[in-house]
Amino acid sequence: MATIKRTTANLPEDLLHDARCVTKKGITETLIYGLELVKRTGAYEKAQRLRGKLSLDIDIEQSRERGGL
């Protein structure tokens, strides 16, 4: 189980309200959802920076074989 960090933050009331309307959840759940989106965005951007930099030698025909499954 993850460690919980209790924090205080000053948030724009209208932004928090709009976000809660989208998630249909409470403040904590909405903030967790937003933080997860930020995390995913960072991972996506990291993957995008690798675009065109990886050289893969894959035999497409061999990879399409089902092996009798």
PDB file of N, CA and C in Angstrom:
ATOM      1  N   MET A   1       0.844  -1.184   0.000  1.00  0.00           N
ATOM      2  CA  MET A   1       0.000   0.000   0.000  1.00  0.00           C
ATOM      3  C   MET A   1       0.885   1.240   0.000  1.00  0.00           C
ATOM      4  N   ALA A   2       0.472   2.253  -0.738  1.00  0.00           N
ATOM      5  CA  ALA A   2       1.245   3.482  -0.858  1.00  0.00           C
ATOM      6  C   ALA A   2       1.166   4.291   0.435  1.00  0.00           C
ATOM      7  N   THR A   3       2.235   5.009   0.710  1.00  0.00           N
ATOM      8  CA  THR A   3       2.253   5.914   1.845  1.00  0.00           C
ATOM      9  C   THR A   3       1.414   7.136   1.495  1.00  0.00           C
ATOM     10  N   ILE A   4       0.658   7.620   2.453  1.00  0.00           N
ATOM     11  CA  ILE A   4      -0.199   8.784   2.243  1.00  0.00           C
ATOM     12  C   ILE A   4       0.498  10.016   2.777  1.00  0.00           C
ATOM     13  N   LYS A   5       0.503  11.083   2.001  1.00  0.00           N
ATOM     14  CA  LYS A   5       1.068  12.360   2.423  1.00  0.00           C
ATOM     15  C   LYS A   5      -0.050  13.373   2.511  1.00  0.00           C
ATOM     16  N   ARG A   6      -0.269  13.864   3.690  1.00  0.00           N
ATOM     17  CA  ARG A   6      -1.294  14.884   3.897  1.00  0.00           C
ATOM     18  C   ARG A   6      -0.677  16.234   3.568  1.00  0.00           C
ATOM     19  N   THR A   7      -1.403  17.040   2.792  1.00  0.00           N
ATOM     20  CA  THR A   7      -0.859  18.324   2.366  1.00  0.00           C
ATOM     21  C   THR A   7      -1.946  19.386   2.328  1.00  0.00           C
ATOM     22  N   THR A   8      -1.517  20.616   2.370  1.00  0.00           N
ATOM     23  CA  THR A   8      -2.422  21.753   2.237  1.00  0.00           C
ATOM     24  C   THR A   8      -2.043  22.481   0.960  1.00  0.00           C
ATOM     25  N   ALA A   9      -3.036  22.840   0.173  1.00  0.00           N
ATOM     26  CA  ALA A   9      -2.770  23.538  -1.082  1.00  0.00           C
ATOM     27  C   ALA A   9      -3.813  24.622  -1.297  1.00  0.00           C
ATOM     28  N   ASN A  10      -3.403  25.709  -1.902  1.00  0.00           N
ATOM     29  CA  ASN A  10      -4.311  26.775  -2.290  1.00  0.00           C
ATOM     30  C   ASN A  10      -4.673  26.561  -3.757  1.00  0.00           C
ATOM     31  N   LEU A  11      -5.936  26.223  -3.999  1.00  0.00           N
ATOM     32  CA  LEU A  11      -6.389  25.878  -5.343  1.00  0.00           C
ATOM     33  C   LEU A  11      -7.470  26.845  -5.792  1.00  0.00           C
ATOM     34  N   PRO A  12      -7.483  27.187  -7.087  1.00  0.00           N
ATOM     35  CA  PRO A  12      -8.565  28.025  -7.602  1.00  0.00           C
ATOM     36  C   PRO A  12      -9.900  27.282  -7.441  1.00  0.00           C
ATOM     37  N   GLU A  13     -10.837  27.909  -6.759  1.00  0.00           N
ATOM     38  CA  GLU A  13     -12.109  27.268  -6.446  1.00  0.00           C
ATOM     39  C   GLU A  13     -12.867  26.837  -7.698  1.00  0.00           C
ATOM     40  N   ASP A  14     -12.879  27.689  -8.715  1.00  0.00           N
ATOM     41  CA  ASP A  14     -13.618  27.344  -9.930  1.00  0.00           C
ATOM     42  C   ASP A  14     -12.984  26.161 -10.658  1.00  0.00           C
ATOM     43  N   LEU A  15     -11.659  26.093 -10.659  1.00  0.00           N
ATOM     44  CA  LEU A  15     -10.961  24.980 -11.313  1.00  0.00           C
ATOM     45  C   LEU A  15     -11.252  23.673 -10.582  1.00  0.00           C
ATOM     46  N   LEU A  16     -11.202  23.708  -9.268  1.00  0.00           N
ATOM     47  CA  LEU A  16     -11.502  22.514  -8.481  1.00  0.00           C
ATOM     48  C   LEU A  16     -12.952  22.085  -8.688  1.00  0.00           C
ATOM     49  N   HIS A  17     -13.849  23.026  -8.700  1.00  0.00           N
ATOM     50  CA  HIS A  17     -15.269  22.719  -8.919  1.00  0.00           C
ATOM     51  C   HIS A  17     -15.477  22.068 -10.284  1.00  0.00           C
ATOM     52  N   ASP A  18     -14.898  22.663 -11.321  1.00  0.00           N
ATOM     53  CA  ASP A  18     -15.043  22.110 -12.673  1.00  0.00           C
ATOM     54  C   ASP A  18     -14.451  20.705 -12.766  1.00  0.00           C
ATOM     55  N   ALA A  19     -13.293  20.503 -12.138  1.00  0.00           N
ATOM     56  CA  ALA A  19     -12.649  19.191 -12.162  1.00  0.00           C
ATOM     57  C   ALA A  19     -13.508  18.158 -11.444  1.00  0.00           C
ATOM     58  N   ARG A  20     -14.087  18.540 -10.318  1.00  0.00           N
ATOM     59  CA  ARG A  20     -14.951  17.623  -9.580  1.00  0.00           C
ATOM     60  C   ARG A  20     -16.205  17.282 -10.379  1.00  0.00           C
ATOM     61  N   CYS A  21     -16.707  18.237 -11.137  1.00  0.00           N
ATOM     62  CA  CYS A  21     -17.866  17.965 -11.990  1.00  0.00           C
ATOM     63  C   CYS A  21     -17.519  16.937 -13.064  1.00  0.00           C
ATOM     64  N   VAL A  22     -16.304  16.989 -13.567  1.00  0.00           N
ATOM     65  CA  VAL A  22     -15.861  16.040 -14.589  1.00  0.00           C
ATOM     66  C   VAL A  22     -15.688  14.645 -13.990  1.00  0.00           C
ATOM     67  N   THR A  23     -15.017  14.565 -12.829  1.00  0.00           N
ATOM     68  CA  THR A  23     -14.740  13.257 -12.236  1.00  0.00           C
ATOM     69  C   THR A  23     -15.933  12.676 -11.490  1.00  0.00           C
ATOM     70  N   LYS A  24     -16.853  13.547 -11.078  1.00  0.00           N
ATOM     71  CA  LYS A  24     -18.006  13.121 -10.267  1.00  0.00           C
ATOM     72  C   LYS A  24     -17.540  12.468  -8.962  1.00  0.00           C
ATOM     73  N   LYS A  25     -16.422  12.963  -8.424  1.00  0.00           N
ATOM     74  CA  LYS A  25     -15.846  12.412  -7.202  1.00  0.00           C
ATOM     75  C   LYS A  25     -15.488  13.546  -6.252  1.00  0.00           C
ATOM     76  N   GLY A  26     -15.009  13.194  -5.078  1.00  0.00           N
ATOM     77  CA  GLY A  26     -14.616  14.164  -4.073  1.00  0.00           C
ATOM     78  C   GLY A  26     -13.288  14.835  -4.402  1.00  0.00           C
ATOM     79  N   ILE A  27     -12.879  15.708  -3.513  1.00  0.00           N
ATOM     80  CA  ILE A  27     -11.656  16.485  -3.733  1.00  0.00           C
ATOM     81  C   ILE A  27     -10.433  15.571  -3.813  1.00  0.00           C
ATOM     82  N   THR A  28     -10.263  14.690  -2.832  1.00  0.00           N
ATOM     83  CA  THR A  28      -9.087  13.818  -2.816  1.00  0.00           C
ATOM     84  C   THR A  28      -9.014  12.962  -4.072  1.00  0.00           C
ATOM     85  N   GLU A  29     -10.118  12.331  -4.424  1.00  0.00           N
ATOM     86  CA  GLU A  29     -10.130  11.462  -5.605  1.00  0.00           C
ATOM     87  C   GLU A  29      -9.842  12.250  -6.878  1.00  0.00           C
ATOM     88  N   THR A  30     -10.372  13.468  -6.954  1.00  0.00           N
ATOM     89  CA  THR A  30     -10.141  14.312  -8.126  1.00  0.00           C
ATOM     90  C   THR A  30      -8.673  14.707  -8.229  1.00  0.00           C
ATOM     91  N   LEU A  31      -8.067  15.073  -7.110  1.00  0.00           N
ATOM     92  CA  LEU A  31      -6.652  15.438  -7.125  1.00  0.00           C
ATOM     93  C   LEU A  31      -5.773  14.245  -7.475  1.00  0.00           C
ATOM     94  N   ILE A  32      -6.100  13.062  -6.952  1.00  0.00           N
ATOM     95  CA  ILE A  32      -5.338  11.860  -7.294  1.00  0.00           C
ATOM     96  C   ILE A  32      -5.448  11.580  -8.789  1.00  0.00           C
ATOM     97  N   TYR A  33      -6.656  11.703  -9.325  1.00  0.00           N
ATOM     98  CA  TYR A  33      -6.867  11.489 -10.758  1.00  0.00           C
ATOM     99  C   TYR A  33      -6.010  12.468 -11.581  1.00  0.00           C
ATOM    100  N   GLY A  34      -6.011  13.718 -11.182  1.00  0.00           N
ATOM    101  CA  GLY A  34      -5.217  14.717 -11.894  1.00  0.00           C
ATOM    102  C   GLY A  34      -3.730  14.429 -11.827  1.00  0.00           C
ATOM    103  N   LEU A  35      -3.255  14.014 -10.653  1.00  0.00           N
ATOM    104  CA  LEU A  35      -1.837  13.688 -10.512  1.00  0.00           C
ATOM    105  C   LEU A  35      -1.452  12.473 -11.346  1.00  0.00           C
ATOM    106  N   GLU A  36      -2.361  11.497 -11.439  1.00  0.00           N
ATOM    107  CA  GLU A  36      -2.099  10.333 -12.294  1.00  0.00           C
ATOM    108  C   GLU A  36      -2.018  10.737 -13.762  1.00  0.00           C
ATOM    109  N   LEU A  37      -2.867  11.683 -14.171  1.00  0.00           N
ATOM    110  CA  LEU A  37      -2.805  12.174 -15.554  1.00  0.00           C
ATOM    111  C   LEU A  37      -1.482  12.878 -15.832  1.00  0.00           C
ATOM    112  N   VAL A  38      -1.010  13.657 -14.877  1.00  0.00           N
ATOM    113  CA  VAL A  38       0.287  14.329 -15.031  1.00  0.00           C
ATOM    114  C   VAL A  38       1.394  13.297 -15.172  1.00  0.00           C
ATOM    115  N   LYS A  39       1.339  12.271 -14.342  1.00  0.00           N
ATOM    116  CA  LYS A  39       2.346  11.209 -14.393  1.00  0.00           C
ATOM    117  C   LYS A  39       2.332  10.506 -15.752  1.00  0.00           C
ATOM    118  N   ARG A  40       1.122  10.157 -16.235  1.00  0.00           N
ATOM    119  CA  ARG A  40       1.009   9.489 -17.535  1.00  0.00           C
ATOM    120  C   ARG A  40       1.500  10.382 -18.668  1.00  0.00           C
ATOM    121  N   THR A  41       1.195  11.664 -18.561  1.00  0.00           N
ATOM    122  CA  THR A  41       1.637  12.603 -19.595  1.00  0.00           C
ATOM    123  C   THR A  41       3.156  12.635 -19.657  1.00  0.00           C
ATOM    124  N   GLY A  42       3.798  12.620 -18.497  1.00  0.00           N
ATOM    125  CA  GLY A  42       5.262  12.599 -18.462  1.00  0.00           C
ATOM    126  C   GLY A  42       5.823  11.353 -19.117  1.00  0.00           C
ATOM    127  N   ALA A  43       5.219  10.208 -18.853  1.00  0.00           N
ATOM    128  CA  ALA A  43       5.676   8.958 -19.461  1.00  0.00           C
ATOM    129  C   ALA A  43       5.456   8.982 -20.977  1.00  0.00           C
ATOM    130  N   TYR A  44       4.324   9.544 -21.402  1.00  0.00           N
ATOM    131  CA  TYR A  44       4.022   9.646 -22.832  1.00  0.00           C
ATOM    132  C   TYR A  44       5.048  10.548 -23.529  1.00  0.00           C
ATOM    133  N   GLU A  45       5.341  11.681 -22.907  1.00  0.00           N
ATOM    134  CA  GLU A  45       6.308  12.608 -23.510  1.00  0.00           C
ATOM    135  C   GLU A  45       7.695  11.986 -23.582  1.00  0.00           C
ATOM    136  N   LYS A  46       8.059  11.202 -22.574  1.00  0.00           N
ATOM    137  CA  LYS A  46       9.350  10.507 -22.591  1.00  0.00           C
ATOM    138  C   LYS A  46       9.395   9.508 -23.747  1.00  0.00           C
ATOM    139  N   ALA A  47       8.304   8.780 -23.937  1.00  0.00           N
ATOM    140  CA  ALA A  47       8.234   7.818 -25.038  1.00  0.00           C
ATOM    141  C   ALA A  47       8.290   8.537 -26.391  1.00  0.00           C
ATOM    142  N   GLN A  48       7.632   9.685 -26.488  1.00  0.00           N
ATOM    143  CA  GLN A  48       7.646  10.452 -27.742  1.00  0.00           C
ATOM    144  C   GLN A  48       9.056  10.925 -28.082  1.00  0.00           C
ATOM    145  N   ARG A  49       9.843  11.266 -27.074  1.00  0.00           N
ATOM    146  CA  ARG A  49      11.220  11.707 -27.331  1.00  0.00           C
ATOM    147  C   ARG A  49      12.074  10.570 -27.889  1.00  0.00           C
ATOM    148  N   LEU A  50      11.689   9.329 -27.615  1.00  0.00           N
ATOM    149  CA  LEU A  50      12.423   8.174 -28.144  1.00  0.00           C
ATOM    150  C   LEU A  50      12.028   7.851 -29.577  1.00  0.00           C
ATOM    151  N   ARG A  51      10.952   8.458 -30.048  1.00  0.00           N
ATOM    152  CA  ARG A  51      10.449   8.156 -31.387  1.00  0.00           C
ATOM    153  C   ARG A  51      11.543   8.370 -32.437  1.00  0.00           C
ATOM    154  N   GLY A  52      11.761   7.333 -33.215  1.00  0.00           N
ATOM    155  CA  GLY A  52      12.761   7.392 -34.272  1.00  0.00           C
ATOM    156  C   GLY A  52      14.168   7.109 -33.796  1.00  0.00           C
ATOM    157  N   LYS A  53      14.357   6.875 -32.497  1.00  0.00           N
ATOM    158  CA  LYS A  53      15.695   6.650 -31.958  1.00  0.00           C
ATOM    159  C   LYS A  53      15.968   5.182 -31.658  1.00  0.00           C
ATOM    160  N   LEU A  54      14.938   4.356 -31.694  1.00  0.00           N
ATOM    161  CA  LEU A  54      15.121   2.940 -31.429  1.00  0.00           C
ATOM    162  C   LEU A  54      15.204   2.191 -32.745  1.00  0.00           C
ATOM    163  N   SER A  55      16.192   1.335 -32.834  1.00  0.00           N
ATOM    164  CA  SER A  55      16.356   0.523 -34.028  1.00  0.00           C
ATOM    165  C   SER A  55      15.980  -0.907 -33.678  1.00  0.00           C
ATOM    166  N   LEU A  56      14.877  -1.383 -34.243  1.00  0.00           N
ATOM    167  CA  LEU A  56      14.402  -2.732 -33.965  1.00  0.00           C
ATOM    168  C   LEU A  56      14.547  -3.589 -35.213  1.00  0.00           C
ATOM    169  N   ASP A  57      15.114  -4.764 -35.030  1.00  0.00           N
ATOM    170  CA  ASP A  57      15.275  -5.711 -36.128  1.00  0.00           C
ATOM    171  C   ASP A  57      14.262  -6.822 -35.916  1.00  0.00           C
ATOM    172  N   ILE A  58      13.080  -6.675 -36.511  1.00  0.00           N
ATOM    173  CA  ILE A  58      11.981  -7.616 -36.311  1.00  0.00           C
ATOM    174  C   ILE A  58      11.600  -8.235 -37.644  1.00  0.00           C
ATOM    175  N   ASP A  59      11.467  -9.558 -37.637  1.00  0.00           N
ATOM    176  CA  ASP A  59      10.992 -10.272 -38.816  1.00  0.00           C
ATOM    177  C   ASP A  59       9.468 -10.309 -38.720  1.00  0.00           C
ATOM    178  N   ILE A  60       8.794  -9.482 -39.477  1.00  0.00           N
ATOM    179  CA  ILE A  60       7.346  -9.344 -39.406  1.00  0.00           C
ATOM    180  C   ILE A  60       6.649 -10.664 -39.709  1.00  0.00           C
ATOM    181  N   GLU A  61       7.105 -11.355 -40.723  1.00  0.00           N
ATOM    182  CA  GLU A  61       6.468 -12.624 -41.096  1.00  0.00           C
ATOM    183  C   GLU A  61       6.576 -13.641 -39.966  1.00  0.00           C
ATOM    184  N   GLN A  62       7.720 -13.730 -39.333  1.00  0.00           N
ATOM    185  CA  GLN A  62       7.900 -14.661 -38.238  1.00  0.00           C
ATOM    186  C   GLN A  62       7.056 -14.259 -37.026  1.00  0.00           C
ATOM    187  N   SER A  63       6.950 -12.985 -36.768  1.00  0.00           N
ATOM    188  CA  SER A  63       6.179 -12.522 -35.614  1.00  0.00           C
ATOM    189  C   SER A  63       4.684 -12.751 -35.798  1.00  0.00           C
ATOM    190  N   ARG A  64       4.241 -12.901 -37.035  1.00  0.00           N
ATOM    191  CA  ARG A  64       2.821 -13.141 -37.316  1.00  0.00           C
ATOM    192  C   ARG A  64       2.430 -14.607 -37.179  1.00  0.00           C
ATOM    193  N   GLU A  65       3.412 -15.483 -37.120  1.00  0.00           N
ATOM    194  CA  GLU A  65       3.121 -16.916 -36.981  1.00  0.00           C
ATOM    195  C   GLU A  65       2.489 -17.161 -35.627  1.00  0.00           C
ATOM    196  N   ARG A  66       1.470 -17.987 -35.593  1.00  0.00           N
ATOM    197  CA  ARG A  66       0.723 -18.231 -34.369  1.00  0.00           C
ATOM    198  C   ARG A  66       1.302 -19.412 -33.571  1.00  0.00           C
ATOM    199  N   GLY A  67       2.143 -20.189 -34.172  1.00  0.00           N
ATOM    200  CA  GLY A  67       2.748 -21.305 -33.456  1.00  0.00           C
ATOM    201  C   GLY A  67       1.764 -22.410 -33.083  1.00  0.00           C
ATOM    202  N   GLY A  68       0.697 -22.559 -33.842  1.00  0.00           N
ATOM    203  CA  GLY A  68      -0.248 -23.634 -33.612  1.00  0.00           C
ATOM    204  C   GLY A  68      -1.200 -23.402 -32.449  1.00  0.00           C
ATOM    205  N   LEU A  69      -1.378 -22.173 -32.048  1.00  0.00           N
ATOM    206  CA  LEU A  69      -2.279 -21.899 -30.921  1.00  0.00           C
ATOM    207  C   LEU A  69      -3.711 -21.955 -31.331  1.00  0.00           C
TER     208      LEU A  69
END
